[in-house]
N, C-alpha and C. Protein backbone atom coordinates (compact mmCIF):
# COMPACT_ATOMS: atom_id res chain seq x y z
N MET A 1 -32.10 -49.85 26.25
CA MET A 1 -31.16 -49.60 27.28
C MET A 1 -30.48 -48.39 26.66
N ASN A 2 -30.14 -47.47 27.61
CA ASN A 2 -29.20 -46.21 27.50
C ASN A 2 -27.97 -46.29 28.26
N VAL A 3 -26.81 -45.65 27.52
CA VAL A 3 -25.60 -45.41 28.03
C VAL A 3 -25.20 -43.96 28.05
N TRP A 4 -24.79 -43.49 29.08
CA TRP A 4 -24.45 -42.09 29.07
C TRP A 4 -22.89 -41.95 29.52
N GLY A 5 -22.31 -40.86 28.74
CA GLY A 5 -21.12 -40.54 29.13
C GLY A 5 -20.77 -39.87 30.44
N ARG A 6 -19.45 -39.58 30.84
CA ARG A 6 -19.09 -38.95 32.07
C ARG A 6 -17.92 -38.04 31.73
N TYR A 7 -17.76 -36.97 32.34
CA TYR A 7 -16.55 -36.09 32.20
C TYR A 7 -15.46 -36.64 33.07
N PRO A 8 -14.27 -36.29 32.65
CA PRO A 8 -13.20 -36.78 33.77
C PRO A 8 -13.16 -35.97 35.07
N GLN A 9 -13.01 -37.13 35.95
CA GLN A 9 -13.09 -36.36 37.33
C GLN A 9 -11.72 -35.55 37.56
N ILE A 10 -11.89 -34.43 37.84
CA ILE A 10 -10.63 -33.57 38.10
C ILE A 10 -10.96 -32.80 39.29
N PRO A 11 -10.17 -33.04 40.53
CA PRO A 11 -10.59 -32.52 41.92
C PRO A 11 -10.66 -31.01 41.72
N GLY A 12 -11.61 -30.38 42.34
CA GLY A 12 -11.78 -28.99 42.40
C GLY A 12 -12.34 -28.32 41.23
N HIS A 13 -12.78 -29.11 40.14
CA HIS A 13 -13.16 -28.49 38.87
C HIS A 13 -14.44 -29.13 38.52
N PHE A 14 -15.43 -28.23 38.38
CA PHE A 14 -16.76 -28.58 37.81
C PHE A 14 -17.15 -28.14 36.49
N PHE A 15 -17.36 -28.94 35.48
CA PHE A 15 -17.53 -28.44 34.17
C PHE A 15 -18.86 -27.92 34.06
N THR A 16 -18.83 -26.84 33.25
CA THR A 16 -20.30 -26.02 33.01
C THR A 16 -21.26 -26.76 32.07
N ASP A 17 -20.55 -27.41 31.19
CA ASP A 17 -21.38 -28.06 30.03
C ASP A 17 -22.06 -29.37 30.49
N GLU A 18 -23.44 -29.23 30.74
CA GLU A 18 -24.28 -30.46 31.43
C GLU A 18 -24.58 -31.35 30.36
N GLY A 19 -24.46 -31.02 28.90
CA GLY A 19 -24.97 -32.17 28.10
C GLY A 19 -24.10 -33.18 28.10
N ARG A 20 -24.60 -34.33 28.57
CA ARG A 20 -23.71 -35.56 28.60
C ARG A 20 -24.03 -36.53 27.50
N PRO A 21 -23.12 -37.13 26.72
CA PRO A 21 -23.44 -37.95 25.58
C PRO A 21 -24.32 -39.11 25.97
N LYS A 22 -25.36 -39.34 25.50
CA LYS A 22 -26.21 -40.61 25.64
C LYS A 22 -26.41 -41.37 24.47
N VAL A 23 -26.46 -42.70 24.58
CA VAL A 23 -26.70 -43.62 23.34
C VAL A 23 -27.60 -44.64 23.95
N GLY A 24 -28.83 -44.73 23.19
CA GLY A 24 -29.62 -45.79 23.41
C GLY A 24 -29.37 -47.10 22.45
N PHE A 25 -29.72 -48.40 22.73
CA PHE A 25 -29.43 -49.61 21.94
C PHE A 25 -30.38 -50.75 22.24
N ASP A 26 -30.50 -51.55 21.45
CA ASP A 26 -31.32 -52.84 21.66
C ASP A 26 -30.26 -54.08 21.99
N LEU A 27 -30.57 -54.60 23.19
CA LEU A 27 -29.68 -55.71 23.72
C LEU A 27 -29.76 -57.02 22.76
N SER A 28 -30.72 -56.94 22.04
CA SER A 28 -31.04 -58.34 21.12
C SER A 28 -30.07 -58.30 19.99
N ARG A 29 -29.40 -57.14 19.75
CA ARG A 29 -28.39 -57.17 18.58
C ARG A 29 -27.19 -57.93 18.94
N PRO A 30 -26.44 -58.30 18.14
CA PRO A 30 -25.01 -58.98 18.21
C PRO A 30 -24.23 -57.99 19.04
N LEU A 31 -23.25 -58.55 19.81
CA LEU A 31 -22.31 -57.76 20.56
C LEU A 31 -21.33 -56.92 19.73
N ALA A 32 -20.90 -57.67 18.71
CA ALA A 32 -19.83 -56.77 17.86
C ALA A 32 -20.67 -55.65 17.21
N THR A 33 -21.92 -55.83 16.84
CA THR A 33 -22.89 -54.67 16.20
C THR A 33 -22.91 -53.53 17.25
N LEU A 34 -23.35 -53.86 18.50
CA LEU A 34 -23.46 -52.96 19.64
C LEU A 34 -22.35 -52.16 19.77
N ALA A 35 -21.24 -52.86 19.95
CA ALA A 35 -19.75 -52.30 20.12
C ALA A 35 -19.55 -51.20 18.97
N LYS A 36 -19.93 -51.63 17.96
CA LYS A 36 -19.58 -50.64 16.69
C LYS A 36 -20.53 -49.61 16.88
N ASP A 37 -21.86 -49.71 17.17
CA ASP A 37 -22.71 -48.61 17.26
C ASP A 37 -22.40 -47.60 18.33
N MET A 38 -22.08 -48.34 19.54
CA MET A 38 -21.49 -47.45 20.62
C MET A 38 -20.37 -46.50 20.26
N ARG A 39 -19.24 -47.43 19.71
CA ARG A 39 -18.08 -46.37 19.23
C ARG A 39 -18.52 -45.33 18.29
N ARG A 40 -19.45 -45.63 17.25
CA ARG A 40 -19.66 -44.65 16.39
C ARG A 40 -20.47 -43.67 16.89
N ARG A 41 -21.43 -43.76 17.78
CA ARG A 41 -22.42 -42.85 18.18
C ARG A 41 -21.95 -42.27 19.47
N PHE A 42 -21.24 -42.81 20.28
CA PHE A 42 -20.78 -42.30 21.53
C PHE A 42 -19.43 -41.73 21.58
N LEU A 43 -18.52 -42.27 20.86
CA LEU A 43 -17.22 -41.78 20.91
C LEU A 43 -16.90 -40.33 20.52
N PRO A 44 -17.54 -39.87 19.16
CA PRO A 44 -17.52 -38.57 18.75
C PRO A 44 -18.11 -37.51 19.80
N GLN A 45 -19.19 -37.91 20.41
CA GLN A 45 -19.62 -36.97 21.42
C GLN A 45 -18.84 -36.96 22.62
N PHE A 46 -18.39 -37.99 23.16
CA PHE A 46 -17.42 -38.23 24.26
C PHE A 46 -16.14 -37.38 24.12
N GLU A 47 -15.68 -37.52 22.74
CA GLU A 47 -14.43 -36.84 22.63
C GLU A 47 -14.62 -35.17 22.41
N ALA A 48 -15.79 -34.79 21.95
CA ALA A 48 -16.16 -33.39 21.84
C ALA A 48 -16.28 -33.00 23.30
N ALA A 49 -17.08 -33.69 24.18
CA ALA A 49 -17.18 -33.21 25.60
C ALA A 49 -15.78 -33.18 26.40
N TYR A 50 -14.97 -34.20 26.12
CA TYR A 50 -13.64 -34.17 26.80
C TYR A 50 -12.90 -33.01 26.29
N SER A 51 -12.99 -32.66 25.18
CA SER A 51 -12.11 -31.64 24.62
C SER A 51 -12.53 -30.16 25.03
N ARG A 52 -14.01 -30.15 25.27
CA ARG A 52 -14.43 -28.81 26.09
C ARG A 52 -14.18 -28.85 27.54
N ALA A 53 -14.14 -30.09 27.98
CA ALA A 53 -13.76 -30.06 29.53
C ALA A 53 -12.21 -29.72 29.66
N VAL A 54 -11.34 -30.12 28.84
CA VAL A 54 -9.87 -30.02 28.83
C VAL A 54 -9.70 -28.26 28.63
N ASP A 55 -10.51 -27.76 27.61
CA ASP A 55 -10.33 -26.38 27.22
C ASP A 55 -10.92 -25.43 28.51
N GLU A 56 -11.92 -25.86 29.17
CA GLU A 56 -12.43 -25.10 30.34
C GLU A 56 -11.40 -25.32 31.40
N PHE A 57 -10.80 -26.33 31.78
CA PHE A 57 -9.78 -26.53 32.70
C PHE A 57 -8.61 -25.59 32.49
N HIS A 58 -8.07 -25.63 31.05
CA HIS A 58 -7.03 -24.77 30.88
C HIS A 58 -7.42 -23.41 30.98
N ALA A 59 -8.60 -22.86 30.66
CA ALA A 59 -9.16 -21.49 30.95
C ALA A 59 -9.11 -21.02 32.34
N ARG A 60 -9.65 -22.05 33.02
CA ARG A 60 -9.64 -21.84 34.71
C ARG A 60 -8.24 -21.78 35.28
N THR A 61 -7.24 -22.46 34.80
CA THR A 61 -5.98 -22.59 35.13
C THR A 61 -5.39 -21.21 34.83
N SER A 62 -5.45 -20.87 33.74
CA SER A 62 -4.89 -19.57 32.94
C SER A 62 -5.52 -18.30 33.80
N ALA A 63 -6.62 -18.32 34.23
CA ALA A 63 -7.46 -17.30 34.79
C ALA A 63 -6.97 -17.14 36.29
N ALA A 64 -6.66 -18.29 36.87
CA ALA A 64 -5.96 -18.32 38.22
C ALA A 64 -4.58 -17.75 38.10
N ASP A 65 -3.80 -18.32 37.25
CA ASP A 65 -2.60 -17.66 37.08
C ASP A 65 -2.53 -16.24 36.90
N LYS A 66 -3.56 -15.76 36.12
CA LYS A 66 -3.58 -14.30 36.08
C LYS A 66 -3.79 -13.49 37.17
N ARG A 67 -4.90 -14.20 37.97
CA ARG A 67 -5.32 -13.65 39.20
C ARG A 67 -4.08 -13.55 40.23
N THR A 68 -3.41 -14.67 40.41
CA THR A 68 -2.17 -14.73 41.32
C THR A 68 -1.17 -13.74 40.79
N ALA A 69 -0.79 -13.50 39.46
CA ALA A 69 0.14 -12.61 39.00
C ALA A 69 -0.28 -11.01 39.52
N VAL A 70 -1.60 -10.73 39.27
CA VAL A 70 -2.11 -9.43 39.86
C VAL A 70 -2.11 -9.25 41.24
N ALA A 71 -2.37 -10.27 42.03
CA ALA A 71 -2.31 -10.27 43.49
C ALA A 71 -0.69 -10.02 44.00
N ARG A 72 0.03 -10.66 43.21
CA ARG A 72 1.48 -10.69 43.67
C ARG A 72 2.08 -9.07 43.27
N ALA A 73 1.49 -8.71 42.11
CA ALA A 73 1.90 -7.24 41.70
C ALA A 73 1.42 -6.36 42.86
N LEU A 74 0.17 -6.37 43.10
CA LEU A 74 -0.36 -5.51 44.05
C LEU A 74 0.55 -5.56 45.39
N LEU A 75 0.77 -6.87 45.90
CA LEU A 75 1.39 -7.05 47.14
C LEU A 75 2.77 -6.30 46.89
N ASP A 76 3.43 -6.48 45.84
CA ASP A 76 4.88 -5.93 45.62
C ASP A 76 4.82 -4.39 45.73
N ARG A 77 3.56 -3.61 45.46
CA ARG A 77 3.57 -2.09 45.40
C ARG A 77 3.47 -1.74 46.81
N PHE A 78 3.39 -2.67 47.79
CA PHE A 78 3.21 -2.36 49.24
C PHE A 78 4.48 -3.11 50.07
N PRO A 79 5.47 -2.23 50.20
CA PRO A 79 6.59 -3.02 50.77
C PRO A 79 6.59 -3.19 52.29
N GLN A 80 5.38 -2.66 52.93
CA GLN A 80 5.20 -3.01 54.37
C GLN A 80 4.52 -4.51 54.30
N ARG A 81 4.15 -4.74 55.74
CA ARG A 81 3.75 -6.19 55.87
C ARG A 81 2.44 -6.38 54.99
N GLY A 82 2.13 -7.58 54.70
CA GLY A 82 1.13 -8.18 53.85
C GLY A 82 1.08 -9.51 53.66
N TRP A 83 0.20 -9.89 52.89
CA TRP A 83 0.02 -11.29 52.60
C TRP A 83 -0.88 -11.58 51.39
N GLU A 84 -0.77 -12.77 50.71
CA GLU A 84 -1.75 -12.94 49.60
C GLU A 84 -1.98 -14.44 49.66
N GLY A 85 -3.10 -14.83 49.05
CA GLY A 85 -3.39 -16.28 48.77
C GLY A 85 -4.87 -16.55 48.20
N GLU A 86 -4.95 -17.59 47.67
CA GLU A 86 -6.29 -17.98 47.26
C GLU A 86 -7.30 -18.18 48.42
N MET A 87 -8.30 -17.44 48.42
CA MET A 87 -9.20 -17.62 49.67
C MET A 87 -10.37 -18.57 49.36
N ARG A 88 -10.84 -18.66 48.07
CA ARG A 88 -11.76 -19.57 47.59
C ARG A 88 -11.61 -19.69 46.28
N PRO A 89 -12.29 -20.58 45.47
CA PRO A 89 -12.04 -20.76 44.05
C PRO A 89 -12.43 -19.53 43.16
N GLY A 90 -11.61 -18.82 42.51
CA GLY A 90 -12.06 -17.61 41.72
C GLY A 90 -11.75 -16.46 42.09
N VAL A 91 -11.19 -16.44 43.46
CA VAL A 91 -10.89 -15.36 44.26
C VAL A 91 -9.49 -15.37 45.05
N HIS A 92 -8.63 -14.43 44.61
CA HIS A 92 -7.21 -14.27 45.27
C HIS A 92 -7.27 -13.06 46.17
N ARG A 93 -6.77 -13.18 47.35
CA ARG A 93 -7.01 -12.05 48.40
C ARG A 93 -5.56 -11.55 48.51
N VAL A 94 -5.47 -10.28 48.94
CA VAL A 94 -4.31 -9.68 49.23
C VAL A 94 -4.67 -8.60 50.34
N CYS A 95 -3.92 -8.63 51.31
CA CYS A 95 -4.06 -7.76 52.54
C CYS A 95 -2.77 -7.24 52.84
N VAL A 96 -2.92 -5.77 52.92
CA VAL A 96 -1.50 -5.02 53.15
C VAL A 96 -1.99 -4.01 54.15
N ASP A 97 -0.71 -3.41 54.91
CA ASP A 97 -0.76 -2.48 55.76
C ASP A 97 -0.39 -1.25 55.02
N LEU A 98 -1.09 -0.16 55.23
CA LEU A 98 -1.01 1.25 54.60
C LEU A 98 -0.41 2.23 55.56
N GLU A 99 0.90 2.24 55.44
CA GLU A 99 1.71 3.17 56.24
C GLU A 99 1.58 4.54 55.44
N PRO A 100 1.81 5.52 56.25
CA PRO A 100 2.32 5.59 57.68
C PRO A 100 1.16 5.65 58.79
N HIS A 101 -0.06 5.57 58.37
CA HIS A 101 -1.08 5.64 59.39
C HIS A 101 -1.26 4.36 60.12
N PRO A 102 -1.18 4.42 61.51
CA PRO A 102 -1.33 3.13 62.23
C PRO A 102 -2.75 2.55 61.93
N GLY A 103 -2.49 1.17 61.81
CA GLY A 103 -3.81 0.43 61.59
C GLY A 103 -4.63 0.62 60.34
N ALA A 104 -4.07 1.48 59.39
CA ALA A 104 -4.66 1.45 58.21
C ALA A 104 -4.30 0.29 57.27
N SER A 105 -5.21 -0.30 56.65
CA SER A 105 -4.99 -1.37 55.70
C SER A 105 -5.99 -1.47 54.70
N ALA A 106 -5.70 -2.21 53.79
CA ALA A 106 -6.42 -2.56 52.56
C ALA A 106 -6.68 -4.02 52.37
N ASP A 107 -7.87 -4.54 52.13
CA ASP A 107 -8.14 -5.97 51.63
C ASP A 107 -8.54 -5.90 50.02
N LEU A 108 -7.74 -6.64 49.23
CA LEU A 108 -8.06 -6.59 47.82
C LEU A 108 -8.39 -7.87 47.42
N GLU A 109 -9.55 -8.12 46.69
CA GLU A 109 -10.00 -9.34 46.22
C GLU A 109 -9.78 -9.31 44.62
N VAL A 110 -8.85 -9.99 44.27
CA VAL A 110 -8.79 -10.10 42.63
C VAL A 110 -9.72 -11.17 42.17
N ARG A 111 -10.38 -10.88 41.09
CA ARG A 111 -11.46 -11.76 40.48
C ARG A 111 -11.26 -12.02 39.30
N GLN A 112 -12.14 -13.07 38.64
CA GLN A 112 -12.11 -13.26 37.18
C GLN A 112 -10.52 -13.66 36.80
N ALA A 113 -10.24 -12.99 35.78
CA ALA A 113 -8.76 -13.33 35.33
C ALA A 113 -7.78 -12.03 35.60
N GLY A 114 -8.13 -11.40 36.95
CA GLY A 114 -7.41 -10.14 37.01
C GLY A 114 -7.96 -8.73 36.64
N GLU A 115 -9.13 -8.81 36.13
CA GLU A 115 -9.76 -7.74 35.43
C GLU A 115 -10.52 -6.93 36.44
N VAL A 116 -10.87 -7.53 37.50
CA VAL A 116 -11.62 -6.88 38.68
C VAL A 116 -10.96 -7.02 39.96
N VAL A 117 -10.78 -5.88 40.64
CA VAL A 117 -10.27 -6.12 41.92
C VAL A 117 -11.34 -5.47 42.97
N ASP A 118 -11.56 -5.92 43.95
CA ASP A 118 -12.51 -5.37 44.94
C ASP A 118 -11.49 -5.00 46.08
N VAL A 119 -11.74 -3.69 46.49
CA VAL A 119 -10.85 -3.16 47.48
C VAL A 119 -11.68 -2.66 48.80
N GLN A 120 -11.20 -2.98 49.97
CA GLN A 120 -11.82 -2.53 51.17
C GLN A 120 -10.86 -1.83 51.90
N LEU A 121 -11.02 -0.35 52.21
CA LEU A 121 -10.12 0.22 52.94
C LEU A 121 -10.51 0.27 54.39
N ARG A 122 -9.48 0.19 55.46
CA ARG A 122 -9.74 0.34 56.81
C ARG A 122 -8.98 1.47 57.47
N ASN A 123 -9.43 2.08 58.32
CA ASN A 123 -8.87 3.08 59.30
C ASN A 123 -7.84 3.89 58.31
N VAL A 124 -8.52 4.75 57.20
CA VAL A 124 -7.68 5.40 56.34
C VAL A 124 -8.00 6.78 56.98
N ASP A 125 -6.94 7.70 56.82
CA ASP A 125 -7.11 9.08 57.07
C ASP A 125 -8.00 9.70 55.94
N PRO A 126 -8.92 10.53 56.33
CA PRO A 126 -9.82 11.12 55.21
C PRO A 126 -9.08 12.06 54.21
N ARG A 127 -7.89 12.59 54.69
CA ARG A 127 -7.24 13.58 53.75
C ARG A 127 -6.54 12.74 52.64
N ASP A 128 -6.44 11.36 52.86
CA ASP A 128 -5.75 10.49 52.00
C ASP A 128 -6.90 10.03 50.94
N LEU A 129 -8.12 10.04 51.32
CA LEU A 129 -9.12 9.78 50.41
C LEU A 129 -9.16 10.93 49.30
N GLU A 130 -8.71 12.06 49.55
CA GLU A 130 -8.91 13.20 48.71
C GLU A 130 -8.11 12.85 47.30
N ALA A 131 -6.92 12.30 47.66
CA ALA A 131 -6.17 11.79 46.40
C ALA A 131 -6.80 10.79 45.71
N LEU A 132 -7.53 9.92 46.42
CA LEU A 132 -8.43 8.89 45.67
C LEU A 132 -9.44 9.26 44.63
N TRP A 133 -10.25 10.38 45.42
CA TRP A 133 -11.42 10.89 44.81
C TRP A 133 -10.73 11.85 43.56
N ALA A 134 -9.58 12.54 43.59
CA ALA A 134 -9.05 13.18 42.50
C ALA A 134 -8.77 12.28 41.42
N LEU A 135 -8.10 10.98 41.68
CA LEU A 135 -7.81 9.96 40.79
C LEU A 135 -9.14 9.41 39.99
N PHE A 136 -10.26 9.10 40.64
CA PHE A 136 -11.34 8.66 40.07
C PHE A 136 -11.93 9.85 39.25
N GLU A 137 -12.05 10.99 39.60
CA GLU A 137 -12.57 12.06 38.69
C GLU A 137 -11.76 12.41 37.43
N ARG A 138 -10.36 12.25 37.63
CA ARG A 138 -9.56 12.41 36.39
C ARG A 138 -9.70 10.90 35.34
N ARG A 139 -9.86 9.84 36.02
CA ARG A 139 -10.21 8.75 35.13
C ARG A 139 -11.61 8.83 34.54
N ARG A 140 -12.52 9.42 35.14
CA ARG A 140 -13.93 9.72 34.60
C ARG A 140 -13.78 10.52 33.38
N ALA A 141 -13.00 11.62 33.40
CA ALA A 141 -13.05 12.77 32.74
C ALA A 141 -12.26 12.06 31.38
N GLU A 142 -11.20 11.25 31.59
CA GLU A 142 -10.53 10.52 30.45
C GLU A 142 -11.54 9.48 29.57
N ARG A 143 -12.23 8.71 30.55
CA ARG A 143 -13.24 7.96 29.78
C ARG A 143 -14.24 8.77 28.93
N ILE A 144 -14.86 9.68 29.49
CA ILE A 144 -15.79 10.55 28.72
C ILE A 144 -15.03 11.12 27.59
N ALA A 145 -13.87 11.72 27.69
CA ALA A 145 -13.22 12.18 26.64
C ALA A 145 -12.84 11.21 25.57
N SER A 146 -12.54 10.00 25.84
CA SER A 146 -12.25 8.75 24.97
C SER A 146 -13.47 8.62 24.20
N ALA A 147 -14.48 8.56 24.98
CA ALA A 147 -15.85 8.22 24.25
C ALA A 147 -16.22 9.13 23.18
N PHE A 148 -15.86 10.37 23.37
CA PHE A 148 -16.35 11.27 22.29
C PHE A 148 -14.97 11.62 21.32
N ASP A 149 -14.09 11.01 21.42
CA ASP A 149 -12.70 11.28 20.79
C ASP A 149 -12.26 12.77 20.75
N THR A 150 -12.25 13.27 22.04
CA THR A 150 -11.83 14.60 22.11
C THR A 150 -10.97 14.57 23.42
N PRO A 151 -9.89 15.71 23.31
CA PRO A 151 -9.13 15.50 24.44
C PRO A 151 -9.72 15.76 25.80
N ALA A 152 -8.92 15.35 26.70
CA ALA A 152 -9.48 15.63 28.12
C ALA A 152 -9.51 17.11 28.35
N PRO A 153 -10.46 17.58 29.32
CA PRO A 153 -10.46 19.08 29.66
C PRO A 153 -9.12 19.63 30.25
N VAL A 154 -8.60 20.64 30.14
CA VAL A 154 -7.45 21.21 30.50
C VAL A 154 -7.73 22.17 31.62
N ASP A 155 -6.98 21.94 32.83
CA ASP A 155 -7.26 22.74 34.02
C ASP A 155 -6.21 23.96 33.85
N LEU A 156 -6.98 25.15 33.50
CA LEU A 156 -6.32 26.29 33.27
C LEU A 156 -5.50 26.68 34.64
N ALA A 157 -5.65 26.22 35.63
CA ALA A 157 -4.84 26.79 36.85
C ALA A 157 -3.49 26.00 36.73
N THR A 158 -3.37 25.03 36.02
CA THR A 158 -2.15 24.23 35.99
C THR A 158 -1.18 24.82 34.98
N LEU A 159 -1.76 25.86 33.90
CA LEU A 159 -1.01 26.32 32.97
C LEU A 159 -0.01 27.23 33.39
N ASP A 160 1.32 27.31 33.08
CA ASP A 160 2.08 28.33 33.66
C ASP A 160 1.84 29.92 32.78
N THR A 161 1.88 29.62 31.50
CA THR A 161 1.71 30.91 30.71
C THR A 161 0.87 30.60 29.62
N VAL A 162 0.20 31.52 29.05
CA VAL A 162 -0.87 31.40 27.86
C VAL A 162 -0.05 32.20 26.78
N PRO A 163 0.33 31.52 25.53
CA PRO A 163 0.92 32.43 24.64
C PRO A 163 0.03 33.53 24.07
N GLN A 164 0.85 34.45 23.71
CA GLN A 164 0.00 35.73 23.23
C GLN A 164 0.00 35.63 21.73
N ALA A 165 -1.08 36.25 21.03
CA ALA A 165 -1.11 36.46 19.67
C ALA A 165 -0.30 37.43 19.15
């Protein structure tokens, strides 16, 4: 006969560890011996699985709290109308109006523990996108420079004067 362990039932949480503790034993042995064997062979595996389940639950809760914090920080950046909320497990959504352009809006989906944000812009003036492209280009140059431990390229047009020797 075999006995399998189970994870605790926590609504809305499914644990990724599929290994379930299993103990096989012979029913012809005395009950006290069977109980002792089950305790010795089953309990350590169950406690380890339970500990992993609790750790995973806390990790998911922590990640959800971080997503919520990032979503609320994004919403605070846009004093115009907007809303935020968990749209499905692992994804927190923020929708905001982008003034001054009528009808311009952004949908932002905060994923993982807030390290990734998917952004969808709607009805944005193309001139405003120029500022976004410039930001992305500057960030790309900074990443390249940091990869080579060299300073970011200097835009000579922004320098007021060049010192004379």
